[in-house]
């Protein structure tokens, strides 16, 4: 006889609780043991110092200092914050559907996969366990920010209301990401591939953008502000944009989701709570239904493949021609520099998006859009604003780009033993592992620089900085980007080699004070690498510029100075690669992770 359902539920829940508690305890014990090594103790101290400087110290000072900035914002603009946040969330959801890849990521560790998946548990029970486990971190983070650190007090609401609203929003986000991943996999099984789905999402997003913005195209230009006192004039401009259909309909569910966070009193919070809870329940039901639909589709797909395979064996169907192989990024010759083989392999693994033809197509499309904007009567101020914005994004991308490319260099530890068995030196391995993220990061920054330069040039420039001088300055910055990107990427690459326990891929190990300290150390490393790399290059470029400006003029002097600075950066990169190569030659992962 089978055990009652209540007993089975109690046993399963007890096992889940035991697994979670012991995992947390073992994780904490392992982290404390690792602090015996000075380099990991340094990360924990840096994380503790960050917590004190930016969190605990402000908490001890009280919540009054948190609202100093918000007190100067007009009350009428505070009422627009939910709409602005909803607009940002709408853009984020569209980008997530556009750029998300294949695969369902539930966040189970290898141990949980080994023990839980073969157990007599339904997939729904596993998903519910995963959701409940994620709720621990979401609940702790939301209520820690709201109740302990008094975040949200500057919004004129109670911290408990802010914490509850933040918990609801983060829980909805978690459910949406899981349900969306199951839905995308179900569409893939139904025959809608990755790129057709991306094209469909892109077309739907562009169609909705045109339908939303075309009726209000005459009011898109923001009003001119003479100072901070005129900032309240943005309120009617924002309302005039988001109050028109169909944009207002698109933003309405997202406004319901964020309304509890921005509630100013208990009455408005209670009125906003049912709609937010309803959205949470709908996301939960969507996640469960998407999971069931995905499993049914997987079973049907497997059964169909089995029947077709049996039919082929019986001669009832002809063999299907093999699928089209993935196109190579470029022709790889039998002989040549090893770095080209690393680049070929890296670009091939990243997929067909990272091809030169796609980059050229993006440049041509942006040129056509900017050229059309320049022909409009309102084009010049818009081009100047977008030019400055994209130039700022490129500058921030140079500093924070290595953080987004970290995963590309973290795979080094997985294949280092295999690469060291090949007839390659440590310097060749270091250069090969760095070349693909460097090329990708450089391509993105060059595209941003291309957009900024086009905006400034087609806007007409100025008397002090004509179009020719802007083009030469852009060429100079383009010469500096490849070696500078490589030097910045050497920081996470060196972190792999000198702090392997921080960067070893391990699901669920990306939290804690030690990891926070690690990120602070890496951020300081990015800044230090940028300053150390640019200082000698800037000194030599300044001397060459002064001399060339006196002899040949300003415009050729800019290009000569950029060439000299790029040469200095290349020499620095060679020295850094030599140091990393010696580290690779002497690296032993088994000794590092003791």
Protein backbone atom coordinates (compact mmCIF):
# COMPACT_ATOMS: atom_id res chain seq x y z
CA UNK A 1 0.00 0.00 0.00
CA UNK A 2 1.19 3.47 -0.82
CA UNK A 3 1.80 5.99 1.90
CA UNK A 4 -0.78 8.78 2.38
CA UNK A 5 -0.23 11.94 0.36
CA UNK A 6 0.26 14.03 3.51
CA UNK A 7 3.07 11.74 4.70
CA UNK A 8 4.74 11.88 1.30
CA UNK A 9 4.51 15.67 1.27
CA UNK A 10 5.99 15.86 4.80
CA UNK A 11 8.86 13.59 3.82
CA UNK A 12 9.63 15.51 0.64
CA UNK A 13 9.39 18.89 2.39
CA UNK A 14 11.65 17.66 5.20
CA UNK A 15 14.21 16.39 2.67
CA UNK A 16 14.16 19.72 0.85
CA UNK A 17 14.62 21.65 4.09
CA UNK A 18 17.46 19.37 5.16
CA UNK A 19 19.15 19.74 1.77
CA UNK A 20 18.90 23.52 1.83
CA UNK A 21 20.12 23.88 5.42
CA UNK A 22 23.08 21.55 5.00
CA UNK A 23 24.03 23.17 1.69
CA UNK A 24 24.08 26.62 3.29
CA UNK A 25 26.08 25.33 6.27
CA UNK A 26 28.65 23.56 4.09
CA UNK A 27 28.95 26.57 1.83
CA UNK A 28 29.59 28.82 4.82
CA UNK A 29 32.12 26.39 6.29
CA UNK A 30 34.00 26.16 2.99
CA UNK A 31 34.16 29.93 2.70
CA UNK A 32 35.45 30.30 6.23
CA UNK A 33 38.14 27.69 5.62
CA UNK A 34 39.20 29.51 2.46
CA UNK A 35 39.84 32.66 4.47
CA UNK A 36 42.99 31.03 5.82
CA UNK A 37 44.61 31.99 2.52
CA UNK A 38 45.59 35.69 2.60
CA UNK A 39 44.41 36.49 -0.93
CA UNK A 40 40.87 35.32 -0.13
CA UNK A 41 40.94 36.99 3.28
CA UNK A 42 41.70 40.23 1.43
CA UNK A 43 38.50 39.83 -0.60
CA UNK A 44 36.41 39.29 2.53
CA UNK A 45 37.94 42.37 4.18
CA UNK A 46 37.21 44.45 1.07
CA UNK A 47 33.60 43.23 1.07
CA UNK A 48 33.18 44.02 4.75
CA UNK A 49 34.64 47.49 4.21
CA UNK A 50 32.21 48.08 1.35
CA UNK A 51 29.26 47.00 3.51
CA UNK A 52 30.28 49.36 6.27
CA UNK A 53 31.05 52.34 4.03
CA UNK A 54 27.95 52.19 1.83
CA UNK A 55 25.35 50.36 3.94
CA UNK A 56 25.96 50.10 7.67
CA UNK A 57 27.30 53.64 8.10
CA UNK A 58 24.26 55.14 6.35
CA UNK A 59 21.95 52.91 8.38
CA UNK A 60 23.51 54.17 11.62
CA UNK A 61 23.15 57.77 10.47
CA UNK A 62 19.42 57.27 10.03
CA UNK A 63 17.05 57.51 7.11
CA UNK A 64 16.95 61.32 6.94
CA UNK A 65 19.97 61.62 4.64
CA UNK A 66 18.44 59.23 2.10
CA UNK A 67 15.67 61.64 1.14
CA UNK A 68 17.78 64.78 0.70
CA UNK A 69 17.95 64.41 -3.06
CA UNK A 70 14.29 63.43 -3.44
CA UNK A 71 13.16 66.45 -1.41
CA UNK A 72 14.38 68.74 -4.20
CA UNK A 73 12.41 66.82 -6.86
CA UNK A 74 8.97 68.35 -7.50
CA UNK A 75 6.11 66.27 -6.14
CA UNK A 76 4.48 66.23 -9.55
CA UNK A 77 7.50 64.35 -10.96
CA UNK A 78 7.43 61.82 -8.14
CA UNK A 79 4.02 60.73 -9.39
CA UNK A 80 5.64 59.96 -12.77
CA UNK A 81 8.17 57.50 -11.30
CA UNK A 82 5.88 54.43 -11.60
CA UNK A 83 5.27 55.19 -15.27
CA UNK A 84 8.98 55.66 -16.00
CA UNK A 85 9.87 52.44 -14.17
CA UNK A 86 7.11 50.61 -16.05
CA UNK A 87 8.52 51.91 -19.34
CA UNK A 88 11.99 50.65 -18.40
CA UNK A 89 10.56 47.24 -17.46
CA UNK A 90 8.74 47.05 -20.80
CA UNK A 91 12.00 47.68 -22.63
CA UNK A 92 13.78 45.11 -20.47
CA UNK A 93 11.16 42.43 -21.18
CA UNK A 94 11.38 43.03 -24.90
CA UNK A 95 15.19 42.84 -24.86
CA UNK A 96 15.06 39.67 -22.77
CA UNK A 97 12.77 37.97 -25.29
CA UNK A 98 14.91 39.28 -28.16
CA UNK A 99 18.36 38.25 -26.94
CA UNK A 100 17.56 35.18 -24.82
CA UNK A 101 19.09 32.02 -26.16
CA UNK A 102 18.02 28.40 -26.06
CA UNK A 103 17.82 26.22 -22.99
CA UNK A 104 15.90 26.24 -19.72
CA UNK A 105 18.06 27.32 -16.79
CA UNK A 106 16.54 26.36 -13.45
CA UNK A 107 19.65 26.99 -11.38
CA UNK A 108 20.05 23.48 -9.92
CA UNK A 109 23.55 22.58 -8.79
CA UNK A 110 25.25 19.41 -10.00
CA UNK A 111 24.61 17.73 -6.64
CA UNK A 112 20.89 18.54 -6.77
CA UNK A 113 20.67 17.25 -10.34
CA UNK A 114 22.39 14.00 -9.32
CA UNK A 115 20.18 13.34 -6.28
CA UNK A 116 16.84 15.03 -6.99
CA UNK A 117 16.20 14.27 -10.65
CA UNK A 118 16.37 10.45 -10.30
CA UNK A 119 14.19 10.65 -7.15
CA UNK A 120 10.46 9.77 -7.34
CA UNK A 121 9.50 13.43 -7.70
CA UNK A 122 7.48 15.14 -10.37
CA UNK A 123 9.01 17.92 -12.40
CA UNK A 124 6.37 20.24 -10.95
CA UNK A 125 7.63 19.44 -7.44
CA UNK A 126 11.20 20.21 -8.51
CA UNK A 127 10.17 23.53 -10.04
CA UNK A 128 8.22 24.45 -6.92
CA UNK A 129 11.25 23.61 -4.81
CA UNK A 130 13.40 25.80 -7.05
CA UNK A 131 10.92 28.66 -6.76
CA UNK A 132 10.70 28.36 -2.99
CA UNK A 133 14.47 28.30 -2.70
CA UNK A 134 14.78 31.44 -4.80
CA UNK A 135 12.16 33.08 -2.59
CA UNK A 136 14.53 32.86 0.37
CA UNK A 137 17.05 35.17 -1.27
CA UNK A 138 14.38 37.47 -2.73
CA UNK A 139 12.51 37.75 0.57
CA UNK A 140 15.70 38.36 2.55
CA UNK A 141 17.01 40.98 0.11
CA UNK A 142 13.71 42.88 -0.19
CA UNK A 143 12.97 43.06 3.51
CA UNK A 144 16.60 43.75 4.41
CA UNK A 145 16.57 46.77 2.11
CA UNK A 146 13.16 47.96 3.25
CA UNK A 147 13.09 47.31 6.99
CA UNK A 148 16.72 47.23 8.13
CA UNK A 149 18.40 49.69 5.77
CA UNK A 150 15.29 51.88 5.40
CA UNK A 151 15.41 52.03 1.61
CA UNK A 152 12.33 53.50 -0.01
CA UNK A 153 11.76 56.03 2.76
CA UNK A 154 12.48 58.85 0.34
CA UNK A 155 9.36 57.83 -1.65
CA UNK A 156 7.12 58.97 1.24
CA UNK A 157 5.95 55.43 1.92
CA UNK A 158 6.40 53.05 4.83
CA UNK A 159 9.49 50.77 4.54
CA UNK A 160 7.27 47.71 5.00
CA UNK A 161 5.20 48.75 1.97
CA UNK A 162 8.39 49.25 -0.07
CA UNK A 163 9.78 45.86 1.01
CA UNK A 164 6.52 44.05 0.19
CA UNK A 165 6.22 45.73 -3.20
CA UNK A 166 9.85 44.96 -4.03
CA UNK A 167 9.37 41.32 -3.02
CA UNK A 168 6.31 41.01 -5.26
CA UNK A 169 8.11 42.61 -8.21
CA UNK A 170 11.24 40.44 -7.88
CA UNK A 171 9.12 37.30 -7.48
CA UNK A 172 7.17 38.17 -10.63
CA UNK A 173 10.44 38.71 -12.46
CA UNK A 174 11.75 35.32 -11.39
CA UNK A 175 8.53 33.58 -12.45
CA UNK A 176 8.46 35.45 -15.76
CA UNK A 177 12.02 34.45 -16.66
CA UNK A 178 11.31 30.80 -15.88
CA UNK A 179 7.98 30.71 -17.73
CA UNK A 180 9.46 32.55 -20.71
CA UNK A 181 12.33 30.06 -20.97
CA UNK A 182 9.88 27.12 -20.98
CA UNK A 183 7.73 28.89 -23.58
CA UNK A 184 10.70 29.56 -25.85
CA UNK A 185 11.76 25.91 -25.63
CA UNK A 186 8.20 24.82 -26.47
CA UNK A 187 8.25 27.09 -29.52
CA UNK A 188 11.59 25.59 -30.51
CA UNK A 189 10.13 22.08 -30.37
CA UNK A 190 7.18 23.30 -32.43
CA UNK A 191 9.57 24.37 -35.21
CA UNK A 192 10.19 28.05 -34.43
CA UNK A 193 13.99 28.29 -34.29
CA UNK A 194 16.15 30.79 -32.49
CA UNK A 195 16.63 33.31 -35.26
CA UNK A 196 13.06 33.17 -36.63
CA UNK A 197 11.84 33.78 -33.09
CA UNK A 198 14.22 36.73 -32.67
CA UNK A 199 13.09 38.19 -35.98
CA UNK A 200 9.46 37.78 -34.93
CA UNK A 201 10.10 39.48 -31.57
CA UNK A 202 12.05 42.26 -33.30
CA UNK A 203 9.28 42.83 -35.84
CA UNK A 204 6.62 42.83 -33.12
CA UNK A 205 8.60 45.29 -31.01
CA UNK A 206 9.21 47.65 -33.92
CA UNK A 207 5.55 47.46 -34.93
CA UNK A 208 4.41 48.29 -31.39
CA UNK A 209 6.96 51.11 -31.18
CA UNK A 210 5.75 52.65 -34.44
CA UNK A 211 2.09 52.25 -33.42
CA UNK A 212 2.81 53.85 -30.03
CA UNK A 213 5.08 56.71 -31.09
CA UNK A 214 3.64 57.70 -34.47
CA UNK A 215 0.51 59.41 -33.03
CA UNK A 216 2.70 61.47 -30.67
CA UNK A 217 5.65 62.12 -33.00
CA UNK A 218 5.17 65.88 -32.68
CA UNK A 219 5.68 65.90 -28.89
CA UNK A 220 8.66 63.55 -28.59
CA UNK A 221 11.20 66.37 -28.36
CA UNK A 222 11.56 67.27 -24.65
CA UNK A 223 10.96 70.88 -23.59
CA UNK A 224 13.98 73.12 -23.10
CA UNK A 225 14.98 73.57 -19.47
CA UNK A 226 16.85 76.66 -18.33
CA UNK A 227 17.64 75.20 -14.90
CA UNK A 228 16.60 72.88 -12.11
CA UNK A 229 13.65 75.13 -11.32
CA UNK A 230 12.07 74.25 -14.68
CA UNK A 231 12.28 70.48 -14.24
CA UNK A 232 8.58 70.34 -13.37
CA UNK A 233 7.90 71.14 -17.04
CA UNK A 234 8.80 67.52 -17.82
CA UNK A 235 5.59 66.30 -16.16
CA UNK A 236 3.13 67.31 -18.93
CA UNK A 237 5.65 66.09 -21.53
CA UNK A 238 5.87 62.63 -19.91
CA UNK A 239 2.10 62.44 -19.47
CA UNK A 240 1.57 63.45 -23.07
CA UNK A 241 3.69 60.49 -24.22
CA UNK A 242 2.63 57.67 -21.90
CA UNK A 243 -1.02 58.70 -21.72
CA UNK A 244 -1.73 57.93 -25.37
CA UNK A 245 -2.93 54.56 -26.62
CA UNK A 246 -1.67 51.94 -27.31
CA UNK A 247 1.37 52.74 -25.15
CA UNK A 248 -0.87 53.34 -22.13
CA UNK A 249 -2.39 49.87 -22.54
CA UNK A 250 1.05 48.25 -22.77
CA UNK A 251 2.24 49.98 -19.62
CA UNK A 252 -0.88 49.31 -17.55
CA UNK A 253 0.05 45.79 -16.27
CA UNK A 254 3.59 46.95 -15.47
CA UNK A 255 2.19 49.93 -13.57
CA UNK A 256 0.11 47.50 -11.52
CA UNK A 257 3.27 45.51 -10.78
CA UNK A 258 5.27 48.51 -9.48
CA UNK A 259 2.39 50.39 -7.83
CA UNK A 260 2.94 48.90 -4.30
CA UNK A 261 6.55 50.11 -4.30
CA UNK A 262 5.56 53.72 -4.95
CA UNK A 263 2.49 53.78 -2.68
CA UNK A 264 2.61 56.92 -0.51
CA UNK A 265 0.17 55.77 2.19
CA UNK A 266 -1.54 52.65 3.50
CA UNK A 267 -4.72 53.28 1.50
CA UNK A 268 -3.00 53.49 -1.87
CA UNK A 269 -0.87 50.47 -0.95
CA UNK A 270 -3.92 48.35 -0.13
CA UNK A 271 -5.62 49.44 -3.35
CA UNK A 272 -2.54 48.48 -5.41
CA UNK A 273 -1.92 45.16 -3.65
CA UNK A 274 -4.72 43.02 -5.24
CA UNK A 275 -3.63 43.77 -8.80
CA UNK A 276 0.01 43.01 -7.97
CA UNK A 277 -0.91 39.75 -6.22
CA UNK A 278 -3.09 38.82 -9.18
CA UNK A 279 -0.17 39.29 -11.56
CA UNK A 280 2.00 37.14 -9.29
CA UNK A 281 -0.55 34.33 -9.33
CA UNK A 282 -0.91 34.58 -13.12
CA UNK A 283 2.88 34.33 -13.54
CA UNK A 284 2.95 31.28 -11.25
CA UNK A 285 0.19 29.56 -13.25
CA UNK A 286 1.96 30.48 -16.49
CA UNK A 287 5.22 28.95 -15.23
CA UNK A 288 3.52 25.69 -14.29
CA UNK A 289 1.51 25.51 -17.52
CA UNK A 290 4.58 26.35 -19.63
CA UNK A 291 6.53 23.59 -17.87
CA UNK A 292 3.77 21.02 -18.52
CA UNK A 293 3.45 22.14 -22.15
CA UNK A 294 7.21 21.90 -22.58
CA UNK A 295 7.28 18.32 -21.21
CA UNK A 296 4.35 17.29 -23.42
CA UNK A 297 6.07 18.81 -26.42
CA UNK A 298 9.34 17.07 -25.55
CA UNK A 299 7.60 13.70 -25.26
CA UNK A 300 5.73 14.21 -28.54
CA UNK A 301 8.92 15.34 -30.27
CA UNK A 302 10.86 12.33 -28.98
CA UNK A 303 8.05 9.95 -30.04
CA UNK A 304 7.98 11.51 -33.51
CA UNK A 305 11.73 11.15 -33.90
CA UNK A 306 11.55 7.51 -32.77
CA UNK A 307 8.80 6.73 -35.32
CA UNK A 308 10.71 8.43 -38.13
CA UNK A 309 13.87 6.53 -37.18
CA UNK A 310 11.98 3.21 -37.23
CA UNK A 311 10.42 4.09 -40.57
CA UNK A 312 13.81 4.87 -42.07
CA UNK A 313 15.17 1.55 -40.87
CA UNK A 314 12.28 -0.22 -42.60
CA UNK A 315 12.92 1.74 -45.80
CA UNK A 316 9.62 3.56 -45.72
CA UNK A 317 11.24 7.01 -45.67
CA UNK A 318 14.28 8.37 -47.41
CA UNK A 319 17.13 9.64 -45.32
CA UNK A 320 16.92 13.35 -44.73
CA UNK A 321 19.92 15.28 -45.93
CA UNK A 322 22.21 16.39 -43.14
CA UNK A 323 21.51 19.81 -41.69
CA UNK A 324 23.40 22.82 -42.83
CA UNK A 325 26.60 23.15 -40.80
CA UNK A 326 27.24 26.31 -38.86
CA UNK A 327 28.99 28.85 -41.09
CA UNK A 328 32.61 29.56 -40.22
CA UNK A 329 33.51 33.15 -39.31
CA UNK A 330 36.39 33.08 -41.80
CA UNK A 331 38.54 30.58 -43.69
CA UNK A 332 41.02 28.88 -41.38
CA UNK A 333 44.19 27.82 -43.16
CA UNK A 334 46.19 24.74 -42.28
CA UNK A 335 49.21 26.80 -41.25
CA UNK A 336 49.49 30.14 -39.54
CA UNK A 337 49.58 31.82 -36.16
CA UNK A 338 47.86 29.85 -33.34
CA UNK A 339 45.96 32.99 -32.31
CA UNK A 340 43.90 32.78 -35.51
CA UNK A 341 42.79 29.25 -34.61
CA UNK A 342 41.70 30.50 -31.16
CA UNK A 343 39.78 33.36 -32.80
CA UNK A 344 38.14 31.04 -35.33
CA UNK A 345 37.07 28.63 -32.58
CA UNK A 346 35.79 31.39 -30.30
CA UNK A 347 33.70 33.15 -32.95
CA UNK A 348 32.33 29.83 -34.19
CA UNK A 349 31.19 28.93 -30.66
CA UNK A 350 29.53 32.33 -30.15
CA UNK A 351 27.19 31.79 -33.10
CA UNK A 352 26.34 33.43 -36.43
CA UNK A 353 25.55 36.82 -34.87
CA UNK A 354 29.23 37.60 -34.37
CA UNK A 355 30.23 37.89 -38.01
CA UNK A 356 31.85 40.75 -39.87
CA UNK A 357 28.95 41.04 -42.30
CA UNK A 358 26.49 41.58 -39.44
CA UNK A 359 28.71 44.30 -37.96
CA UNK A 360 28.91 46.03 -41.37
CA UNK A 361 25.13 45.72 -41.77
CA UNK A 362 24.61 47.33 -38.36
CA UNK A 363 26.90 50.20 -39.37
CA UNK A 364 24.98 50.73 -42.62
CA UNK A 365 21.59 50.64 -40.89
CA UNK A 366 22.67 53.19 -38.28
CA UNK A 367 24.10 55.40 -41.03
CA UNK A 368 20.76 55.35 -42.87
CA UNK A 369 18.81 56.16 -39.70
CA UNK A 370 21.15 59.00 -38.68
CA UNK A 371 21.19 60.40 -42.22
CA UNK A 372 17.38 60.46 -42.26
CA UNK A 373 17.32 62.16 -38.85
CA UNK A 374 19.76 64.82 -40.06
CA UNK A 375 17.36 65.77 -42.86
CA UNK A 376 14.55 66.54 -40.43
CA UNK A 377 13.91 69.99 -39.02
CA UNK A 378 14.34 68.74 -35.45
CA UNK A 379 17.37 66.61 -36.32
CA UNK A 380 20.30 68.71 -35.05
CA UNK A 381 19.48 68.78 -31.29
CA UNK A 382 18.50 65.12 -31.38
CA UNK A 383 21.77 64.15 -33.11
CA UNK A 384 23.83 66.16 -30.64
CA UNK A 385 22.05 64.54 -27.70
CA UNK A 386 22.40 61.03 -29.11
CA UNK A 387 26.03 61.64 -30.11
CA UNK A 388 26.94 62.66 -26.58
CA UNK A 389 24.94 59.77 -25.13
CA UNK A 390 26.55 57.10 -27.31
CA UNK A 391 30.01 58.54 -26.68
CA UNK A 392 29.34 58.30 -22.94
CA UNK A 393 28.09 54.71 -23.35
CA UNK A 394 31.31 53.85 -25.22
CA UNK A 395 33.38 55.30 -22.38
CA UNK A 396 31.46 53.34 -19.76
CA UNK A 397 31.63 50.26 -21.98
CA UNK A 398 35.41 50.45 -21.99
CA UNK A 399 35.40 50.41 -18.19
CA UNK A 400 32.58 47.93 -17.53
CA UNK A 401 32.82 45.86 -20.72
CA UNK A 402 35.26 43.36 -19.17
CA UNK A 403 32.63 42.54 -16.55
CA UNK A 404 30.23 41.41 -19.28
CA UNK A 405 33.00 39.47 -21.04
CA UNK A 406 34.15 37.69 -17.87
CA UNK A 407 32.40 34.46 -18.73
CA UNK A 408 34.36 34.25 -21.98
CA UNK A 409 37.66 34.20 -20.10
CA UNK A 410 36.39 32.10 -17.17
CA UNK A 411 36.34 29.01 -19.40
CA UNK A 412 40.14 29.00 -19.31
CA UNK A 413 40.32 26.81 -16.19
CA UNK A 414 38.13 24.14 -17.82
CA UNK A 415 40.47 23.62 -20.78
CA UNK A 416 43.83 24.77 -19.43
CA UNK A 417 45.21 21.25 -18.88
CA UNK A 418 44.27 20.28 -22.45
CA UNK A 419 45.85 23.42 -23.90
CA UNK A 420 49.04 22.98 -21.90
CA UNK A 421 49.37 19.48 -23.37
CA UNK A 422 49.51 21.04 -26.86
CA UNK A 423 52.78 22.42 -28.26
CA UNK A 424 51.87 25.93 -27.13
CA UNK A 425 53.61 28.23 -24.69
CA UNK A 426 51.84 30.06 -21.90
CA UNK A 427 52.02 33.38 -23.76
CA UNK A 428 50.37 31.85 -26.84
CA UNK A 429 47.58 30.40 -24.68
CA UNK A 430 47.03 33.74 -22.94
CA UNK A 431 46.87 35.61 -26.26
CA UNK A 432 44.57 32.98 -27.75
CA UNK A 433 42.11 33.08 -24.86
CA UNK A 434 42.02 36.88 -24.90
CA UNK A 435 41.63 37.41 -28.64
CA UNK A 436 37.92 36.50 -29.01
CA UNK A 437 36.54 38.67 -26.15
CA UNK A 438 38.87 41.46 -27.26
CA UNK A 439 37.56 41.34 -30.84
CA UNK A 440 33.91 41.26 -29.70
CA UNK A 441 34.35 44.09 -27.17
CA UNK A 442 36.31 46.18 -29.69
CA UNK A 443 33.62 45.66 -32.35
CA UNK A 444 30.89 46.87 -30.00
CA UNK A 445 32.88 49.94 -28.93
CA UNK A 446 33.78 50.78 -32.54
CA UNK A 447 30.10 50.58 -33.46
CA UNK A 448 29.21 52.97 -30.63
CA UNK A 449 32.03 55.30 -31.73
CA UNK A 450 30.74 55.12 -35.32
CA UNK A 451 27.27 56.20 -34.18
CA UNK A 452 28.61 59.06 -32.06
CA UNK A 453 30.87 60.32 -34.86
CA UNK A 454 28.07 60.21 -37.42
CA UNK A 455 25.77 62.12 -35.09
CA UNK A 456 28.32 64.88 -34.50
CA UNK A 457 29.45 65.10 -38.14
CA UNK A 458 25.95 65.15 -39.65
CA UNK A 459 24.85 67.66 -37.02
CA UNK A 460 27.30 70.10 -38.60
CA UNK A 461 30.04 70.26 -35.99
CA UNK A 462 31.24 73.65 -34.82
CA UNK A 463 33.77 76.28 -35.77
CA UNK A 464 36.25 75.10 -33.14
CA UNK A 465 35.84 71.43 -34.02
CA UNK A 466 34.88 70.96 -37.71
CA UNK A 467 33.86 67.67 -39.29
CA UNK A 468 37.36 66.82 -40.56
CA UNK A 469 38.88 67.21 -37.12
CA UNK A 470 36.12 65.08 -35.57
CA UNK A 471 36.75 62.28 -38.07
CA UNK A 472 40.50 62.33 -37.34
CA UNK A 473 39.81 62.28 -33.59
CA UNK A 474 37.48 59.31 -34.06
CA UNK A 475 40.16 57.48 -36.07
CA UNK A 476 42.62 58.13 -33.26
CA UNK A 477 40.24 56.69 -30.66
CA UNK A 478 39.60 53.70 -32.93
CA UNK A 479 43.35 52.98 -32.99
CA UNK A 480 43.48 52.98 -29.19
CA UNK A 481 40.51 50.68 -28.62
CA UNK A 482 41.92 47.20 -29.54
CA UNK A 483 45.03 47.27 -27.30
CA UNK A 484 43.15 49.10 -24.54
CA UNK A 485 40.31 46.53 -24.58
CA UNK A 486 42.87 43.71 -24.42
CA UNK A 487 44.62 45.32 -21.43
CA UNK A 488 41.31 45.76 -19.60
CA UNK A 489 40.37 42.12 -20.26
CA UNK A 490 43.69 41.04 -18.77
CA UNK A 491 42.28 41.95 -15.34
CA UNK A 492 39.57 39.20 -15.19
CA UNK A 493 41.97 36.89 -17.01
CA UNK A 494 44.58 37.42 -14.31
CA UNK A 495 41.84 36.95 -11.70
CA UNK A 496 41.24 33.48 -13.17
CA UNK A 497 44.89 32.58 -12.76
CA UNK A 498 45.66 34.17 -9.39
CA UNK A 499 42.24 33.71 -7.70
CA UNK A 500 40.85 30.52 -9.29
CA UNK A 501 38.46 29.76 -6.42
CA UNK A 502 36.64 33.03 -7.12
CA UNK A 503 36.07 32.32 -10.79
CA UNK A 504 35.56 28.58 -10.90
CA UNK A 505 32.11 28.02 -12.50
CA UNK A 506 29.86 26.80 -9.72
CA UNK A 507 26.10 27.35 -9.68
CA UNK A 508 24.88 29.01 -6.58
CA UNK A 509 28.34 30.15 -5.44
CA UNK A 510 28.08 33.75 -6.60
CA UNK A 511 26.97 35.26 -3.30
CA UNK A 512 28.54 36.33 -0.03
CA UNK A 513 30.75 39.01 1.45
CA UNK A 514 33.82 37.40 -0.09
CA UNK A 515 32.32 37.58 -3.60
CA UNK A 516 31.33 41.20 -2.99
CA UNK A 517 34.93 41.92 -2.02
CA UNK A 518 36.09 40.11 -5.13
CA UNK A 519 34.00 42.41 -7.31
CA UNK A 520 35.32 45.45 -5.49
CA UNK A 521 38.90 44.26 -6.03
CA UNK A 522 38.22 43.61 -9.71
CA UNK A 523 36.63 47.05 -10.09
CA UNK A 524 39.69 48.63 -8.49
CA UNK A 525 41.80 46.49 -10.85
CA UNK A 526 39.92 47.85 -13.88
CA UNK A 527 40.49 51.43 -12.79
CA UNK A 528 44.14 50.79 -11.94
CA UNK A 529 44.75 49.01 -15.26
CA UNK A 530 43.16 51.90 -17.15
CA UNK A 531 45.24 54.52 -15.33
CA UNK A 532 48.53 52.58 -15.54
CA UNK A 533 48.00 51.79 -19.23
CA UNK A 534 47.01 55.32 -20.23
CA UNK A 535 49.57 57.26 -18.19
CA UNK A 536 52.74 56.50 -20.22
CA UNK A 537 50.73 56.48 -23.46
CA UNK A 538 49.27 59.89 -22.62
CA UNK A 539 52.67 61.36 -21.74
CA UNK A 540 54.25 60.26 -25.03
CA UNK A 541 51.17 61.23 -27.04
CA UNK A 542 51.16 64.68 -25.42
CA UNK A 543 54.80 65.30 -26.33
CA UNK A 544 54.26 64.12 -29.91
CA UNK A 545 51.12 66.25 -30.21
CA UNK A 546 52.88 69.42 -29.07
CA UNK A 547 55.78 68.86 -31.46
CA UNK A 548 53.60 67.82 -34.43
CA UNK A 549 51.13 70.66 -33.87
CA UNK A 550 54.01 73.13 -34.08
CA UNK A 551 55.36 71.54 -37.30
CA UNK A 552 52.42 70.18 -39.35
CA UNK A 553 49.26 71.52 -37.68
CA UNK A 554 46.50 70.39 -35.36
CA UNK A 555 44.71 67.74 -37.42
CA UNK A 556 47.78 65.62 -38.39
CA UNK A 557 49.07 66.03 -34.83
CA UNK A 558 45.98 64.29 -33.44
CA UNK A 559 46.53 61.26 -35.66
CA UNK A 560 50.27 61.06 -34.92
CA UNK A 561 49.65 61.30 -31.19
CA UNK A 562 47.07 58.50 -31.39
CA UNK A 563 49.53 56.29 -33.32
CA UNK A 564 52.22 56.80 -30.68
CA UNK A 565 49.77 56.10 -27.83
CA UNK A 566 48.59 52.92 -29.56
CA UNK A 567 52.21 51.81 -29.94
CA UNK A 568 52.82 52.27 -26.22
CA UNK A 569 49.67 50.27 -25.40
CA UNK A 570 50.81 47.43 -27.67
CA UNK A 571 54.18 47.30 -25.87
CA UNK A 572 52.40 47.22 -22.51
CA UNK A 573 50.14 44.43 -23.74
CA UNK A 574 53.16 42.34 -24.77
CA UNK A 575 54.67 42.75 -21.30
CA UNK A 576 51.41 41.76 -19.59
CA UNK A 577 51.00 38.72 -21.84
CA UNK A 578 54.54 37.64 -20.95
CA UNK A 579 53.67 37.79 -17.24
CA UNK A 580 50.41 35.88 -17.76
CA UNK A 581 52.22 33.33 -19.91
CA UNK A 582 54.71 32.56 -17.15
CA UNK A 583 51.82 32.17 -14.71
CA UNK A 584 50.10 29.71 -17.07
CA UNK A 585 53.28 27.66 -17.45
CA UNK A 586 53.58 27.29 -13.65
CA UNK A 587 49.83 26.98 -12.93
CA UNK A 588 48.50 23.91 -11.06
CA UNK A 589 44.76 24.05 -10.38
CA UNK A 590 44.79 21.17 -7.90
CA UNK A 591 47.16 23.09 -5.63
CA UNK A 592 45.23 26.36 -5.94
CA UNK A 593 41.83 24.98 -4.86
CA UNK A 594 42.96 23.17 -1.73
